[in-house]
PDB file of N, CA and C in Angstrom:
ATOM      1  N   MET A   1       0.855  -1.170   0.000  1.00  0.00           N
ATOM      2  CA  MET A   1       0.000   0.000   0.000  1.00  0.00           C
ATOM      3  C   MET A   1       0.902   1.235   0.000  1.00  0.00           C
ATOM      4  N   ILE A   2       0.711   2.070  -1.011  1.00  0.00           N
ATOM      5  CA  ILE A   2       1.564   3.245  -1.184  1.00  0.00           C
ATOM      6  C   ILE A   2       0.694   4.475  -1.407  1.00  0.00           C
ATOM      7  N   LEU A   3       0.844   5.457  -0.521  1.00  0.00           N
ATOM      8  CA  LEU A   3       0.166   6.732  -0.687  1.00  0.00           C
ATOM      9  C   LEU A   3       1.059   7.632  -1.531  1.00  0.00           C
ATOM     10  N   VAL A   4       0.530   8.053  -2.664  1.00  0.00           N
ATOM     11  CA  VAL A   4       1.250   8.953  -3.568  1.00  0.00           C
ATOM     12  C   VAL A   4       0.802  10.373  -3.264  1.00  0.00           C
ATOM     13  N   ASP A   5       1.768  11.259  -2.990  1.00  0.00           N
ATOM     14  CA  ASP A   5       1.384  12.618  -2.629  1.00  0.00           C
ATOM     15  C   ASP A   5       1.126  13.478  -3.864  1.00  0.00           C
ATOM     16  N   THR A   6       0.633  14.670  -3.620  1.00  0.00           N
ATOM     17  CA  THR A   6       0.224  15.591  -4.677  1.00  0.00           C
ATOM     18  C   THR A   6       1.368  15.897  -5.638  1.00  0.00           C
ATOM     19  N   ASN A   7       2.536  16.196  -5.095  1.00  0.00           N
ATOM     20  CA  ASN A   7       3.676  16.559  -5.944  1.00  0.00           C
ATOM     21  C   ASN A   7       4.062  15.437  -6.895  1.00  0.00           C
ATOM     22  N   ALA A   8       3.981  14.216  -6.435  1.00  0.00           N
ATOM     23  CA  ALA A   8       4.327  13.084  -7.292  1.00  0.00           C
ATOM     24  C   ALA A   8       3.340  12.947  -8.444  1.00  0.00           C
ATOM     25  N   TRP A   9       2.048  13.192  -8.176  1.00  0.00           N
ATOM     26  CA  TRP A   9       1.056  13.127  -9.253  1.00  0.00           C
ATOM     27  C   TRP A   9       1.293  14.220 -10.280  1.00  0.00           C
ATOM     28  N   VAL A  10       1.585  15.423  -9.821  1.00  0.00           N
ATOM     29  CA  VAL A  10       1.838  16.532 -10.741  1.00  0.00           C
ATOM     30  C   VAL A  10       3.084  16.244 -11.571  1.00  0.00           C
ATOM     31  N   SER A  11       4.128  15.755 -10.939  1.00  0.00           N
ATOM     32  CA  SER A  11       5.351  15.399 -11.672  1.00  0.00           C
ATOM     33  C   SER A  11       5.069  14.317 -12.708  1.00  0.00           C
ATOM     34  N   HIS A  12       4.282  13.328 -12.329  1.00  0.00           N
ATOM     35  CA  HIS A  12       3.939  12.227 -13.223  1.00  0.00           C
ATOM     36  C   HIS A  12       3.140  12.734 -14.437  1.00  0.00           C
ATOM     37  N   ALA A  13       2.274  13.703 -14.219  1.00  0.00           N
ATOM     38  CA  ALA A  13       1.477  14.250 -15.319  1.00  0.00           C
ATOM     39  C   ALA A  13       2.348  15.029 -16.304  1.00  0.00           C
ATOM     40  N   ARG A  14       3.412  15.638 -15.800  1.00  0.00           N
ATOM     41  CA  ARG A  14       4.320  16.414 -16.662  1.00  0.00           C
ATOM     42  C   ARG A  14       5.257  15.520 -17.448  1.00  0.00           C
ATOM     43  N   ALA A  15       5.781  14.504 -16.782  1.00  0.00           N
ATOM     44  CA  ALA A  15       6.716  13.564 -17.423  1.00  0.00           C
ATOM     45  C   ALA A  15       6.508  12.218 -16.754  1.00  0.00           C
ATOM     46  N   LYS A  16       6.146  11.225 -17.528  1.00  0.00           N
ATOM     47  CA  LYS A  16       5.796   9.919 -16.969  1.00  0.00           C
ATOM     48  C   LYS A  16       6.842   9.424 -15.974  1.00  0.00           C
ATOM     49  N   ASP A  17       6.367   9.059 -14.808  1.00  0.00           N
ATOM     50  CA  ASP A  17       7.195   8.471 -13.759  1.00  0.00           C
ATOM     51  C   ASP A  17       7.033   6.955 -13.874  1.00  0.00           C
ATOM     52  N   THR A  18       8.059   6.283 -14.352  1.00  0.00           N
ATOM     53  CA  THR A  18       7.943   4.841 -14.601  1.00  0.00           C
ATOM     54  C   THR A  18       7.740   4.051 -13.312  1.00  0.00           C
ATOM     55  N   ARG A  19       8.332   4.505 -12.208  1.00  0.00           N
ATOM     56  CA  ARG A  19       8.110   3.809 -10.926  1.00  0.00           C
ATOM     57  C   ARG A  19       6.650   3.908 -10.505  1.00  0.00           C
ATOM     58  N   LEU A  20       6.088   5.106 -10.621  1.00  0.00           N
ATOM     59  CA  LEU A  20       4.680   5.300 -10.260  1.00  0.00           C
ATOM     60  C   LEU A  20       3.782   4.487 -11.191  1.00  0.00           C
ATOM     61  N   ALA A  21       4.083   4.482 -12.467  1.00  0.00           N
ATOM     62  CA  ALA A  21       3.293   3.693 -13.416  1.00  0.00           C
ATOM     63  C   ALA A  21       3.322   2.211 -13.045  1.00  0.00           C
ATOM     64  N   ALA A  22       4.484   1.712 -12.650  1.00  0.00           N
ATOM     65  CA  ALA A  22       4.601   0.302 -12.256  1.00  0.00           C
ATOM     66  C   ALA A  22       3.794   0.025 -10.990  1.00  0.00           C
ATOM     67  N   MET A  23       3.842   0.946 -10.013  1.00  0.00           N
ATOM     68  CA  MET A  23       3.070   0.753  -8.784  1.00  0.00           C
ATOM     69  C   MET A  23       1.568   0.749  -9.075  1.00  0.00           C
ATOM     70  N   LEU A  24       1.141   1.580 -10.019  1.00  0.00           N
ATOM     71  CA  LEU A  24      -0.268   1.590 -10.422  1.00  0.00           C
ATOM     72  C   LEU A  24      -0.655   0.269 -11.069  1.00  0.00           C
ATOM     73  N   GLU A  25       0.189  -0.223 -11.954  1.00  0.00           N
ATOM     74  CA  GLU A  25      -0.089  -1.494 -12.628  1.00  0.00           C
ATOM     75  C   GLU A  25      -0.170  -2.653 -11.642  1.00  0.00           C
ATOM     76  N   GLN A  26       0.575  -2.552 -10.539  1.00  0.00           N
ATOM     77  CA  GLN A  26       0.590  -3.594  -9.509  1.00  0.00           C
ATOM     78  C   GLN A  26      -0.528  -3.396  -8.483  1.00  0.00           C
ATOM     79  N   ASN A  27      -1.381  -2.386  -8.688  1.00  0.00           N
ATOM     80  CA  ASN A  27      -2.485  -2.077  -7.766  1.00  0.00           C
ATOM     81  C   ASN A  27      -2.005  -1.823  -6.342  1.00  0.00           C
ATOM     82  N   ARG A  28      -0.894  -1.131  -6.199  1.00  0.00           N
ATOM     83  CA  ARG A  28      -0.343  -0.842  -4.878  1.00  0.00           C
ATOM     84  C   ARG A  28      -0.657   0.576  -4.401  1.00  0.00           C
ATOM     85  N   VAL A  29      -1.223   1.415  -5.268  1.00  0.00           N
ATOM     86  CA  VAL A  29      -1.399   2.837  -4.980  1.00  0.00           C
ATOM     87  C   VAL A  29      -2.758   3.109  -4.337  1.00  0.00           C
ATOM     88  N   VAL A  30      -2.716   3.940  -3.306  1.00  0.00           N
ATOM     89  CA  VAL A  30      -3.926   4.431  -2.645  1.00  0.00           C
ATOM     90  C   VAL A  30      -3.876   5.951  -2.653  1.00  0.00           C
ATOM     91  N   THR A  31      -4.982   6.562  -2.283  1.00  0.00           N
ATOM     92  CA  THR A  31      -5.013   8.017  -2.206  1.00  0.00           C
ATOM     93  C   THR A  31      -5.639   8.450  -0.887  1.00  0.00           C
ATOM     94  N   ALA A  32      -5.785   9.755  -0.742  1.00  0.00           N
ATOM     95  CA  ALA A  32      -6.378  10.335   0.469  1.00  0.00           C
ATOM     96  C   ALA A  32      -7.111  11.613   0.073  1.00  0.00           C
ATOM     97  N   ASP A  33      -8.089  11.994   0.875  1.00  0.00           N
ATOM     98  CA  ASP A  33      -8.876  13.195   0.571  1.00  0.00           C
ATOM     99  C   ASP A  33      -8.005  14.438   0.416  1.00  0.00           C
ATOM    100  N   VAL A  34      -6.993  14.585   1.239  1.00  0.00           N
ATOM    101  CA  VAL A  34      -6.155  15.784   1.160  1.00  0.00           C
ATOM    102  C   VAL A  34      -5.417  15.837  -0.180  1.00  0.00           C
ATOM    103  N   VAL A  35      -4.983  14.709  -0.692  1.00  0.00           N
ATOM    104  CA  VAL A  35      -4.310  14.676  -1.994  1.00  0.00           C
ATOM    105  C   VAL A  35      -5.307  15.039  -3.091  1.00  0.00           C
ATOM    106  N   LEU A  36      -6.475  14.421  -3.062  1.00  0.00           N
ATOM    107  CA  LEU A  36      -7.484  14.719  -4.080  1.00  0.00           C
ATOM    108  C   LEU A  36      -7.895  16.192  -4.027  1.00  0.00           C
ATOM    109  N   GLY A  37      -8.066  16.723  -2.844  1.00  0.00           N
ATOM    110  CA  GLY A  37      -8.436  18.136  -2.703  1.00  0.00           C
ATOM    111  C   GLY A  37      -7.394  19.060  -3.287  1.00  0.00           C
ATOM    112  N   GLU A  38      -6.136  18.793  -3.006  1.00  0.00           N
ATOM    113  CA  GLU A  38      -5.075  19.630  -3.571  1.00  0.00           C
ATOM    114  C   GLU A  38      -5.054  19.532  -5.097  1.00  0.00           C
ATOM    115  N   LEU A  39      -5.251  18.334  -5.617  1.00  0.00           N
ATOM    116  CA  LEU A  39      -5.243  18.153  -7.069  1.00  0.00           C
ATOM    117  C   LEU A  39      -6.416  18.881  -7.724  1.00  0.00           C
ATOM    118  N   MET A  40      -7.548  18.908  -7.043  1.00  0.00           N
ATOM    119  CA  MET A  40      -8.728  19.587  -7.585  1.00  0.00           C
ATOM    120  C   MET A  40      -8.558  21.100  -7.599  1.00  0.00           C
ATOM    121  N   LEU A  41      -7.762  21.628  -6.673  1.00  0.00           N
ATOM    122  CA  LEU A  41      -7.704  23.079  -6.477  1.00  0.00           C
ATOM    123  C   LEU A  41      -6.577  23.809  -7.193  1.00  0.00           C
ATOM    124  N   GLY A  42      -5.848  23.172  -8.018  1.00  0.00           N
ATOM    125  CA  GLY A  42      -4.837  23.988  -8.676  1.00  0.00           C
ATOM    126  C   GLY A  42      -3.613  23.247  -9.144  1.00  0.00           C
ATOM    127  N   SER A  43      -3.748  21.990  -9.374  1.00  0.00           N
ATOM    128  CA  SER A  43      -2.592  21.222  -9.822  1.00  0.00           C
ATOM    129  C   SER A  43      -2.363  21.357 -11.315  1.00  0.00           C
ATOM    130  N   GLY A  44      -3.389  21.785 -12.017  1.00  0.00           N
ATOM    131  CA  GLY A  44      -3.290  21.865 -13.458  1.00  0.00           C
ATOM    132  C   GLY A  44      -3.510  20.532 -14.152  1.00  0.00           C
ATOM    133  N   LEU A  45      -3.837  19.498 -13.378  1.00  0.00           N
ATOM    134  CA  LEU A  45      -4.101  18.192 -13.978  1.00  0.00           C
ATOM    135  C   LEU A  45      -5.451  18.226 -14.693  1.00  0.00           C
ATOM    136  N   PRO A  46      -5.582  17.470 -15.769  1.00  0.00           N
ATOM    137  CA  PRO A  46      -6.884  17.389 -16.430  1.00  0.00           C
ATOM    138  C   PRO A  46      -7.940  16.853 -15.454  1.00  0.00           C
ATOM    139  N   PRO A  47      -9.120  17.455 -15.461  1.00  0.00           N
ATOM    140  CA  PRO A  47     -10.186  16.994 -14.548  1.00  0.00           C
ATOM    141  C   PRO A  47     -10.472  15.497 -14.672  1.00  0.00           C
ATOM    142  N   ALA A  48     -10.367  14.941 -15.859  1.00  0.00           N
ATOM    143  CA  ALA A  48     -10.626  13.502 -16.035  1.00  0.00           C
ATOM    144  C   ALA A  48      -9.614  12.669 -15.258  1.00  0.00           C
ATOM    145  N   LEU A  49      -8.368  13.113 -15.212  1.00  0.00           N
ATOM    146  CA  LEU A  49      -7.348  12.377 -14.460  1.00  0.00           C
ATOM    147  C   LEU A  49      -7.641  12.438 -12.966  1.00  0.00           C
ATOM    148  N   VAL A  50      -8.032  13.596 -12.489  1.00  0.00           N
ATOM    149  CA  VAL A  50      -8.371  13.730 -11.066  1.00  0.00           C
ATOM    150  C   VAL A  50      -9.560  12.824 -10.736  1.00  0.00           C
ATOM    151  N   ARG A  51     -10.552  12.764 -11.617  1.00  0.00           N
ATOM    152  CA  ARG A  51     -11.699  11.864 -11.391  1.00  0.00           C
ATOM    153  C   ARG A  51     -11.247  10.406 -11.348  1.00  0.00           C
ATOM    154  N   ASP A  52     -10.315  10.042 -12.227  1.00  0.00           N
ATOM    155  CA  ASP A  52      -9.789   8.667 -12.217  1.00  0.00           C
ATOM    156  C   ASP A  52      -9.053   8.373 -10.915  1.00  0.00           C
ATOM    157  N   LEU A  53      -8.275   9.337 -10.434  1.00  0.00           N
ATOM    158  CA  LEU A  53      -7.531   9.128  -9.185  1.00  0.00           C
ATOM    159  C   LEU A  53      -8.485   8.971  -8.002  1.00  0.00           C
ATOM    160  N   ALA A  54      -9.639   9.596  -8.080  1.00  0.00           N
ATOM    161  CA  ALA A  54     -10.632   9.479  -7.002  1.00  0.00           C
ATOM    162  C   ALA A  54     -11.200   8.067  -6.907  1.00  0.00           C
ATOM    163  N   LEU A  55     -10.987   7.253  -7.941  1.00  0.00           N
ATOM    164  CA  LEU A  55     -11.460   5.867  -7.921  1.00  0.00           C
ATOM    165  C   LEU A  55     -10.496   4.930  -7.190  1.00  0.00           C
ATOM    166  N   LEU A  56      -9.299   5.413  -6.902  1.00  0.00           N
ATOM    167  CA  LEU A  56      -8.328   4.593  -6.163  1.00  0.00           C
ATOM    168  C   LEU A  56      -8.832   4.347  -4.738  1.00  0.00           C
ATOM    169  N   PRO A  57      -8.396   3.257  -4.115  1.00  0.00           N
ATOM    170  CA  PRO A  57      -8.738   3.064  -2.696  1.00  0.00           C
ATOM    171  C   PRO A  57      -8.270   4.277  -1.888  1.00  0.00           C
ATOM    172  N   ARG A  58      -9.081   4.652  -0.914  1.00  0.00           N
ATOM    173  CA  ARG A  58      -8.811   5.864  -0.146  1.00  0.00           C
ATOM    174  C   ARG A  58      -8.539   5.539   1.316  1.00  0.00           C
ATOM    175  N   LEU A  59      -7.459   6.107   1.820  1.00  0.00           N
ATOM    176  CA  LEU A  59      -7.118   5.941   3.238  1.00  0.00           C
ATOM    177  C   LEU A  59      -7.977   6.877   4.087  1.00  0.00           C
ATOM    178  N   PRO A  60      -8.241   6.498   5.339  1.00  0.00           N
ATOM    179  CA  PRO A  60      -9.004   7.383   6.232  1.00  0.00           C
ATOM    180  C   PRO A  60      -8.230   8.675   6.494  1.00  0.00           C
ATOM    181  N   SER A  61      -8.962   9.761   6.563  1.00  0.00           N
ATOM    182  CA  SER A  61      -8.353  11.070   6.800  1.00  0.00           C
ATOM    183  C   SER A  61      -8.275  11.365   8.295  1.00  0.00           C
ATOM    184  N   PRO A  62      -7.153  11.928   8.734  1.00  0.00           N
ATOM    185  CA  PRO A  62      -7.075  12.337  10.144  1.00  0.00           C
ATOM    186  C   PRO A  62      -7.915  13.598  10.355  1.00  0.00           C
ATOM    187  N   SER A  63      -8.401  13.756  11.559  1.00  0.00           N
ATOM    188  CA  SER A  63      -9.151  14.971  11.892  1.00  0.00           C
ATOM    189  C   SER A  63      -8.178  16.135  12.054  1.00  0.00           C
ATOM    190  N   ALA A  64      -8.725  17.331  12.097  1.00  0.00           N
ATOM    191  CA  ALA A  64      -7.891  18.509  12.341  1.00  0.00           C
ATOM    192  C   ALA A  64      -7.203  18.396  13.697  1.00  0.00           C
ATOM    193  N   ALA A  65      -7.917  17.904  14.706  1.00  0.00           N
ATOM    194  CA  ALA A  65      -7.333  17.762  16.045  1.00  0.00           C
ATOM    195  C   ALA A  65      -6.186  16.747  16.033  1.00  0.00           C
ATOM    196  N   GLN A  66      -6.367  15.640  15.314  1.00  0.00           N
ATOM    197  CA  GLN A  66      -5.290  14.648  15.221  1.00  0.00           C
ATOM    198  C   GLN A  66      -4.073  15.227  14.507  1.00  0.00           C
ATOM    199  N   THR A  67      -4.319  15.999  13.468  1.00  0.00           N
ATOM    200  CA  THR A  67      -3.214  16.606  12.726  1.00  0.00           C
ATOM    201  C   THR A  67      -2.478  17.612  13.598  1.00  0.00           C
ATOM    202  N   ARG A  68      -3.206  18.445  14.328  1.00  0.00           N
ATOM    203  CA  ARG A  68      -2.563  19.419  15.221  1.00  0.00           C
ATOM    204  C   ARG A  68      -1.723  18.705  16.271  1.00  0.00           C
ATOM    205  N   ALA A  69      -2.248  17.636  16.847  1.00  0.00           N
ATOM    206  CA  ALA A  69      -1.501  16.892  17.868  1.00  0.00           C
ATOM    207  C   ALA A  69      -0.225  16.284  17.280  1.00  0.00           C
ATOM    208  N   TYR A  70      -0.308  15.767  16.078  1.00  0.00           N
ATOM    209  CA  TYR A  70       0.860  15.171  15.416  1.00  0.00           C
ATOM    210  C   TYR A  70       1.917  16.238  15.127  1.00  0.00           C
ATOM    211  N   ILE A  71       1.462  17.387  14.639  1.00  0.00           N
ATOM    212  CA  ILE A  71       2.391  18.495  14.379  1.00  0.00           C
ATOM    213  C   ILE A  71       3.052  18.933  15.677  1.00  0.00           C
ATOM    214  N   GLU A  72       2.265  19.037  16.735  1.00  0.00           N
ATOM    215  CA  GLU A  72       2.824  19.446  18.029  1.00  0.00           C
ATOM    216  C   GLU A  72       3.873  18.440  18.515  1.00  0.00           C
ATOM    217  N   ARG A  73       3.568  17.161  18.350  1.00  0.00           N
ATOM    218  CA  ARG A  73       4.497  16.121  18.801  1.00  0.00           C
ATOM    219  C   ARG A  73       5.821  16.166  18.035  1.00  0.00           C
ATOM    220  N   TYR A  74       5.774  16.517  16.782  1.00  0.00           N
ATOM    221  CA  TYR A  74       6.976  16.536  15.942  1.00  0.00           C
ATOM    222  C   TYR A  74       7.272  17.946  15.417  1.00  0.00           C
ATOM    223  N   ARG A  75       6.958  18.927  16.225  1.00  0.00           N
ATOM    224  CA  ARG A  75       7.071  20.341  15.849  1.00  0.00           C
ATOM    225  C   ARG A  75       8.438  20.690  15.263  1.00  0.00           C
ATOM    226  N   ARG A  76       9.501  20.289  15.915  1.00  0.00           N
ATOM    227  CA  ARG A  76      10.846  20.650  15.436  1.00  0.00           C
ATOM    228  C   ARG A  76      11.116  20.106  14.043  1.00  0.00           C
ATOM    229  N   THR A  77      10.721  18.878  13.807  1.00  0.00           N
ATOM    230  CA  THR A  77      10.953  18.270  12.495  1.00  0.00           C
ATOM    231  C   THR A  77      10.126  18.969  11.429  1.00  0.00           C
ATOM    232  N   PHE A  78       8.849  19.210  11.695  1.00  0.00           N
ATOM    233  CA  PHE A  78       7.999  19.875  10.708  1.00  0.00           C
ATOM    234  C   PHE A  78       8.492  21.290  10.423  1.00  0.00           C
ATOM    235  N   ARG A  79       8.831  22.019  11.448  1.00  0.00           N
ATOM    236  CA  ARG A  79       9.292  23.399  11.255  1.00  0.00           C
ATOM    237  C   ARG A  79      10.646  23.451  10.541  1.00  0.00           C
ATOM    238  N   ALA A  80      11.526  22.533  10.868  1.00  0.00           N
ATOM    239  CA  ALA A  80      12.872  22.554  10.289  1.00  0.00           C
ATOM    240  C   ALA A  80      12.857  22.423   8.777  1.00  0.00           C
ATOM    241  N   PHE A  81      11.843  21.753   8.241  1.00  0.00           N
ATOM    242  CA  PHE A  81      11.828  21.507   6.800  1.00  0.00           C
ATOM    243  C   PHE A  81      10.697  22.233   6.075  1.00  0.00           C
ATOM    244  N   GLY A  82       9.926  23.036   6.807  1.00  0.00           N
ATOM    245  CA  GLY A  82       8.954  23.910   6.189  1.00  0.00           C
ATOM    246  C   GLY A  82       7.780  23.232   5.501  1.00  0.00           C
ATOM    247  N   VAL A  83       7.372  22.074   5.989  1.00  0.00           N
ATOM    248  CA  VAL A  83       6.203  21.446   5.385  1.00  0.00           C
ATOM    249  C   VAL A  83       4.939  22.147   5.878  1.00  0.00           C
ATOM    250  N   GLY A  84       3.919  22.149   5.048  1.00  0.00           N
ATOM    251  CA  GLY A  84       2.672  22.814   5.381  1.00  0.00           C
ATOM    252  C   GLY A  84       1.633  21.848   5.927  1.00  0.00           C
ATOM    253  N   TRP A  85       0.446  22.403   6.155  1.00  0.00           N
ATOM    254  CA  TRP A  85      -0.663  21.641   6.730  1.00  0.00           C
ATOM    255  C   TRP A  85      -1.009  20.435   5.877  1.00  0.00           C
ATOM    256  N   ALA A  86      -1.170  20.620   4.585  1.00  0.00           N
ATOM    257  CA  ALA A  86      -1.548  19.505   3.710  1.00  0.00           C
ATOM    258  C   ALA A  86      -0.474  18.421   3.742  1.00  0.00           C
ATOM    259  N   ASP A  87       0.785  18.830   3.720  1.00  0.00           N
ATOM    260  CA  ASP A  87       1.870  17.846   3.798  1.00  0.00           C
ATOM    261  C   ASP A  87       1.824  17.077   5.109  1.00  0.00           C
ATOM    262  N   ALA A  88       1.565  17.781   6.203  1.00  0.00           N
ATOM    263  CA  ALA A  88       1.465  17.121   7.508  1.00  0.00           C
ATOM    264  C   ALA A  88       0.318  16.119   7.508  1.00  0.00           C
ATOM    265  N   GLN A  89      -0.809  16.470   6.883  1.00  0.00           N
ATOM    266  CA  GLN A  89      -1.938  15.535   6.819  1.00  0.00           C
ATOM    267  C   GLN A  89      -1.598  14.313   5.967  1.00  0.00           C
ATOM    268  N   ILE A  90      -0.886  14.525   4.875  1.00  0.00           N
ATOM    269  CA  ILE A  90      -0.468  13.403   4.029  1.00  0.00           C
ATOM    270  C   ILE A  90       0.457  12.477   4.813  1.00  0.00           C
ATOM    271  N   ILE A  91       1.411  13.052   5.507  1.00  0.00           N
ATOM    272  CA  ILE A  91       2.350  12.256   6.305  1.00  0.00           C
ATOM    273  C   ILE A  91       1.607  11.472   7.384  1.00  0.00           C
ATOM    274  N   LEU A  92       0.710  12.142   8.107  1.00  0.00           N
ATOM    275  CA  LEU A  92      -0.045  11.472   9.167  1.00  0.00           C
ATOM    276  C   LEU A  92      -0.960  10.390   8.596  1.00  0.00           C
ATOM    277  N   THR A  93      -1.592  10.663   7.466  1.00  0.00           N
ATOM    278  CA  THR A  93      -2.471   9.675   6.842  1.00  0.00           C
ATOM    279  C   THR A  93      -1.696   8.394   6.524  1.00  0.00           C
ATOM    280  N   ALA A  94      -0.537   8.546   5.905  1.00  0.00           N
ATOM    281  CA  ALA A  94       0.276   7.373   5.561  1.00  0.00           C
ATOM    282  C   ALA A  94       0.765   6.669   6.826  1.00  0.00           C
ATOM    283  N   ALA A  95       1.252   7.436   7.787  1.00  0.00           N
ATOM    284  CA  ALA A  95       1.788   6.850   9.022  1.00  0.00           C
ATOM    285  C   ALA A  95       0.719   6.062   9.773  1.00  0.00           C
ATOM    286  N   ASP A  96      -0.462   6.649   9.930  1.00  0.00           N
ATOM    287  CA  ASP A  96      -1.539   5.981  10.672  1.00  0.00           C
ATOM    288  C   ASP A  96      -2.052   4.729   9.965  1.00  0.00           C
ATOM    289  N   SER A  97      -1.940   4.710   8.659  1.00  0.00           N
ATOM    290  CA  SER A  97      -2.464   3.578   7.879  1.00  0.00           C
ATOM    291  C   SER A  97      -1.424   2.495   7.626  1.00  0.00           C
ATOM    292  N   GLY A  98      -0.181   2.762   8.011  1.00  0.00           N
ATOM    293  CA  GLY A  98       0.879   1.801   7.744  1.00  0.00           C
ATOM    294  C   GLY A  98       1.283   1.751   6.283  1.00  0.00           C
ATOM    295  N   ALA A  99       0.967   2.803   5.543  1.00  0.00           N
ATOM    296  CA  ALA A  99       1.317   2.866   4.128  1.00  0.00           C
ATOM    297  C   ALA A  99       2.730   3.396   3.955  1.00  0.00           C
ATOM    298  N   LEU A 100       3.324   3.058   2.826  1.00  0.00           N
ATOM    299  CA  LEU A 100       4.561   3.704   2.419  1.00  0.00           C
ATOM    300  C   LEU A 100       4.163   5.017   1.755  1.00  0.00           C
ATOM    301  N   LEU A 101       5.102   5.949   1.674  1.00  0.00           N
ATOM    302  CA  LEU A 101       4.832   7.235   1.048  1.00  0.00           C
ATOM    303  C   LEU A 101       5.705   7.382  -0.183  1.00  0.00           C
ATOM    304  N   TYR A 102       5.097   7.876  -1.267  1.00  0.00           N
ATOM    305  CA  TYR A 102       5.822   8.159  -2.495  1.00  0.00           C
ATOM    306  C   TYR A 102       5.648   9.636  -2.791  1.00  0.00           C
ATOM    307  N   SER A 103       6.746  10.380  -2.783  1.00  0.00           N
ATOM    308  CA  SER A 103       6.704  11.826  -2.950  1.00  0.00           C
ATOM    309  C   SER A 103       7.878  12.297  -3.779  1.00  0.00           C
ATOM    310  N   SER A 104       7.657  13.365  -4.519  1.00  0.00           N
ATOM    311  CA  SER A 104       8.765  14.003  -5.229  1.00  0.00           C
ATOM    312  C   SER A 104       9.184  15.292  -4.523  1.00  0.00           C
ATOM    313  N   ASP A 105       8.572  15.567  -3.376  1.00  0.00           N
ATOM    314  CA  ASP A 105       8.872  16.765  -2.589  1.00  0.00           C
ATOM    315  C   ASP A 105       9.987  16.450  -1.589  1.00  0.00           C
ATOM    316  N   GLY A 106      11.108  17.121  -1.749  1.00  0.00           N
ATOM    317  CA  GLY A 106      12.270  16.853  -0.895  1.00  0.00           C
ATOM    318  C   GLY A 106      11.998  17.044   0.582  1.00  0.00           C
ATOM    319  N   ALA A 107      11.256  18.097   0.944  1.00  0.00           N
ATOM    320  CA  ALA A 107      10.966  18.344   2.357  1.00  0.00           C
ATOM    321  C   ALA A 107      10.090  17.236   2.930  1.00  0.00           C
ATOM    322  N   VAL A 108       9.080  16.817   2.197  1.00  0.00           N
ATOM    323  CA  VAL A 108       8.190  15.747   2.663  1.00  0.00           C
ATOM    324  C   VAL A 108       8.983  14.452   2.818  1.00  0.00           C
ATOM    325  N   ARG A 109       9.814  14.159   1.854  1.00  0.00           N
ATOM    326  CA  ARG A 109      10.629  12.940   1.910  1.00  0.00           C
ATOM    327  C   ARG A 109      11.552  12.966   3.138  1.00  0.00           C
ATOM    328  N   THR A 110      12.163  14.111   3.396  1.00  0.00           N
ATOM    329  CA  THR A 110      13.075  14.231   4.536  1.00  0.00           C
ATOM    330  C   THR A 110      12.335  14.081   5.852  1.00  0.00           C
ATOM    331  N   VAL A 111      11.194  14.746   5.992  1.00  0.00           N
ATOM    332  CA  VAL A 111      10.413  14.630   7.236  1.00  0.00           C
ATOM    333  C   VAL A 111       9.978  13.180   7.436  1.00  0.00           C
ATOM    334  N   TRP A 112       9.494  12.544   6.397  1.00  0.00           N
ATOM    335  CA  TRP A 112       9.056  11.147   6.482  1.00  0.00           C
ATOM    336  C   TRP A 112      10.183  10.258   7.002  1.00  0.00           C
ATOM    337  N   ARG A 113      11.357  10.422   6.442  1.00  0.00           N
ATOM    338  CA  ARG A 113      12.505   9.603   6.885  1.00  0.00           C
ATOM    339  C   ARG A 113      12.920   9.970   8.311  1.00  0.00           C
ATOM    340  N   ARG A 114      12.908  11.249   8.645  1.00  0.00           N
ATOM    341  CA  ARG A 114      13.287  11.674  10.005  1.00  0.00           C
ATOM    342  C   ARG A 114      12.333  11.115  11.054  1.00  0.00           C
ATOM    343  N   LEU A 115      11.084  10.891  10.655  1.00  0.00           N
ATOM    344  CA  LEU A 115      10.110  10.311  11.581  1.00  0.00           C
ATOM    345  C   LEU A 115      10.268   8.804  11.698  1.00  0.00           C
ATOM    346  N   GLY A 116      11.203   8.248  10.942  1.00  0.00           N
ATOM    347  CA  GLY A 116      11.524   6.833  11.071  1.00  0.00           C
ATOM    348  C   GLY A 116      10.833   5.912  10.092  1.00  0.00           C
ATOM    349  N   PHE A 117      10.264   6.487   9.035  1.00  0.00           N
ATOM    350  CA  PHE A 117       9.535   5.665   8.065  1.00  0.00           C
ATOM    351  C   PHE A 117      10.364   5.446   6.809  1.00  0.00           C
ATOM    352  N   ARG A 118       9.982   4.403   6.085  1.00  0.00           N
ATOM    353  CA  ARG A 118      10.649   4.045   4.828  1.00  0.00           C
ATOM    354  C   ARG A 118       9.819   4.564   3.658  1.00  0.00           C
ATOM    355  N   LEU A 119      10.500   5.177   2.713  1.00  0.00           N
ATOM    356  CA  LEU A 119       9.829   5.663   1.507  1.00  0.00           C
ATOM    357  C   LEU A 119       9.563   4.514   0.554  1.00  0.00           C
ATOM    358  N   ALA A 120       8.574   4.697  -0.302  1.00  0.00           N
ATOM    359  CA  ALA A 120       8.275   3.695  -1.337  1.00  0.00           C
ATOM    360  C   ALA A 120       9.333   3.789  -2.425  1.00  0.00           C
TER     361      ALA A 120
END
C-alpha cells in the first residue's frame, strides 16, 4: 500500500514516472482526501485524471485535532523543513495507515525519513 502525494502526481502528469506507473499497474497505490483536494484546487491536472484518481482506494483522513496533535508532537521536524498543513496531513495519513509514502517533494521525503519511516 503506497500513498502517492500531490507533488508526485503533478510530476507524473508532466513527465511519466515509470516507478509510479509500475506501482499503479501492480495495484499498490492508494489516495487520500487531502491529496485529491489539492489536485482539484490547482494542480493543473486534467479533470478527467483527477476523477480517475478518485477511484483509487482511499485511506481514512485524520481529523484537524489529530493533525494538530501530530504536528505538536513533531514540531521541530515539521518546522525545520517547512512542510505545510496539507503535507502534515499526508504524512499522518500514511503513518496511521501503515502505508509507504511516495513523494517528489524533498521536504516531505526528509520529514518522512526523520520520523523513522521508509519511503516507497
